[in-house]
Amino acid sequence: MPPDDDHRIQVNLARLLAERDMTLAELARRIDVTVVNLSILKNGRAKAIRFSTLTAICDALDCRPGDLLEIR
């Protein structure tokens, strides 16, 4: 198993937020998740994401999981 910091998942949250002219703080308010937790996800430092959080982000950003996460 590769080390935790060597995963190949890329998080496209910054791009999606920019495309929708939305701030991280606004997204956090909409989905009731802390800005700190979203920042960790946005910066690619998250080790996991709950399906409920993924669903909430996709609903708020009107996207699909594959728009948010991709394999490098």
Protein backbone atom coordinates (compact mmCIF):
# COMPACT_ATOMS: atom_id res chain seq x y z
CA MET A 1 0.00 0.00 0.00
CA PRO A 2 1.44 3.44 -0.92
CA PRO A 3 2.17 5.99 1.81
CA ASP A 4 -0.70 8.34 2.69
CA ASP A 5 1.01 11.32 1.08
CA ASP A 6 1.52 9.44 -2.20
CA HIS A 7 -2.08 9.04 -3.34
CA ARG A 8 -3.06 9.77 -6.93
CA ILE A 9 -6.43 11.42 -6.28
CA GLN A 10 -6.62 15.02 -7.44
CA VAL A 11 -9.25 17.29 -5.88
CA ASN A 12 -10.65 19.94 -8.22
CA LEU A 13 -12.51 21.94 -5.58
CA ALA A 14 -10.63 25.20 -6.25
CA ARG A 15 -11.49 25.05 -9.95
CA LEU A 16 -15.14 24.28 -9.32
CA LEU A 17 -15.44 27.10 -6.80
CA ALA A 18 -13.83 29.56 -9.23
CA GLU A 19 -16.09 28.46 -12.08
CA ARG A 20 -19.12 29.08 -9.87
CA ASP A 21 -17.76 32.31 -8.36
CA MET A 22 -18.20 30.83 -4.88
CA THR A 23 -15.91 31.12 -1.89
CA LEU A 24 -14.85 28.27 0.34
CA ALA A 25 -16.63 30.02 3.23
CA GLU A 26 -19.88 30.20 1.26
CA LEU A 27 -19.67 26.50 0.38
CA ALA A 28 -18.94 25.67 4.01
CA ARG A 29 -22.07 27.55 5.12
CA ARG A 30 -24.22 25.88 2.48
CA ILE A 31 -23.19 22.34 3.40
CA ASP A 32 -22.57 22.83 7.13
CA VAL A 33 -18.91 21.73 7.06
CA THR A 34 -16.09 23.77 8.56
CA VAL A 35 -13.92 25.93 6.34
CA VAL A 36 -10.90 24.15 7.83
CA ASN A 37 -12.15 20.73 6.71
CA LEU A 38 -12.97 22.01 3.23
CA SER A 39 -9.56 23.68 3.02
CA ILE A 40 -7.88 20.36 3.84
CA LEU A 41 -9.87 18.75 1.03
CA LYS A 42 -9.19 21.61 -1.40
CA ASN A 43 -5.45 21.47 -0.77
CA GLY A 44 -5.29 17.73 -1.36
CA ARG A 45 -4.38 16.89 2.23
CA ALA A 46 -7.56 14.96 3.09
CA LYS A 47 -7.10 11.26 3.78
CA ALA A 48 -10.79 10.48 3.26
CA ILE A 49 -14.15 12.03 2.45
CA ARG A 50 -17.54 10.89 3.66
CA PHE A 51 -20.14 10.08 1.03
CA SER A 52 -22.52 12.48 2.79
CA THR A 53 -19.97 15.31 2.44
CA LEU A 54 -19.23 14.40 -1.17
CA THR A 55 -22.96 14.39 -1.93
CA ALA A 56 -23.47 17.75 -0.21
CA ILE A 57 -20.57 19.33 -2.13
CA CYS A 58 -21.87 17.97 -5.42
CA ASP A 59 -25.38 19.23 -4.67
CA ALA A 60 -24.11 22.70 -3.73
CA LEU A 61 -21.80 22.96 -6.75
CA ASP A 62 -24.19 21.21 -9.16
CA CYS A 63 -21.52 18.72 -10.18
CA ARG A 64 -20.78 15.00 -10.15
CA PRO A 65 -18.17 13.24 -7.98
CA GLY A 66 -15.97 12.80 -11.06
CA ASP A 67 -15.93 16.58 -11.54
CA LEU A 68 -14.58 16.99 -8.02
CA LEU A 69 -12.22 14.01 -7.80
CA GLU A 70 -10.05 12.43 -10.45
CA ILE A 71 -7.10 10.03 -10.71
CA ARG A 72 -3.77 11.55 -11.76
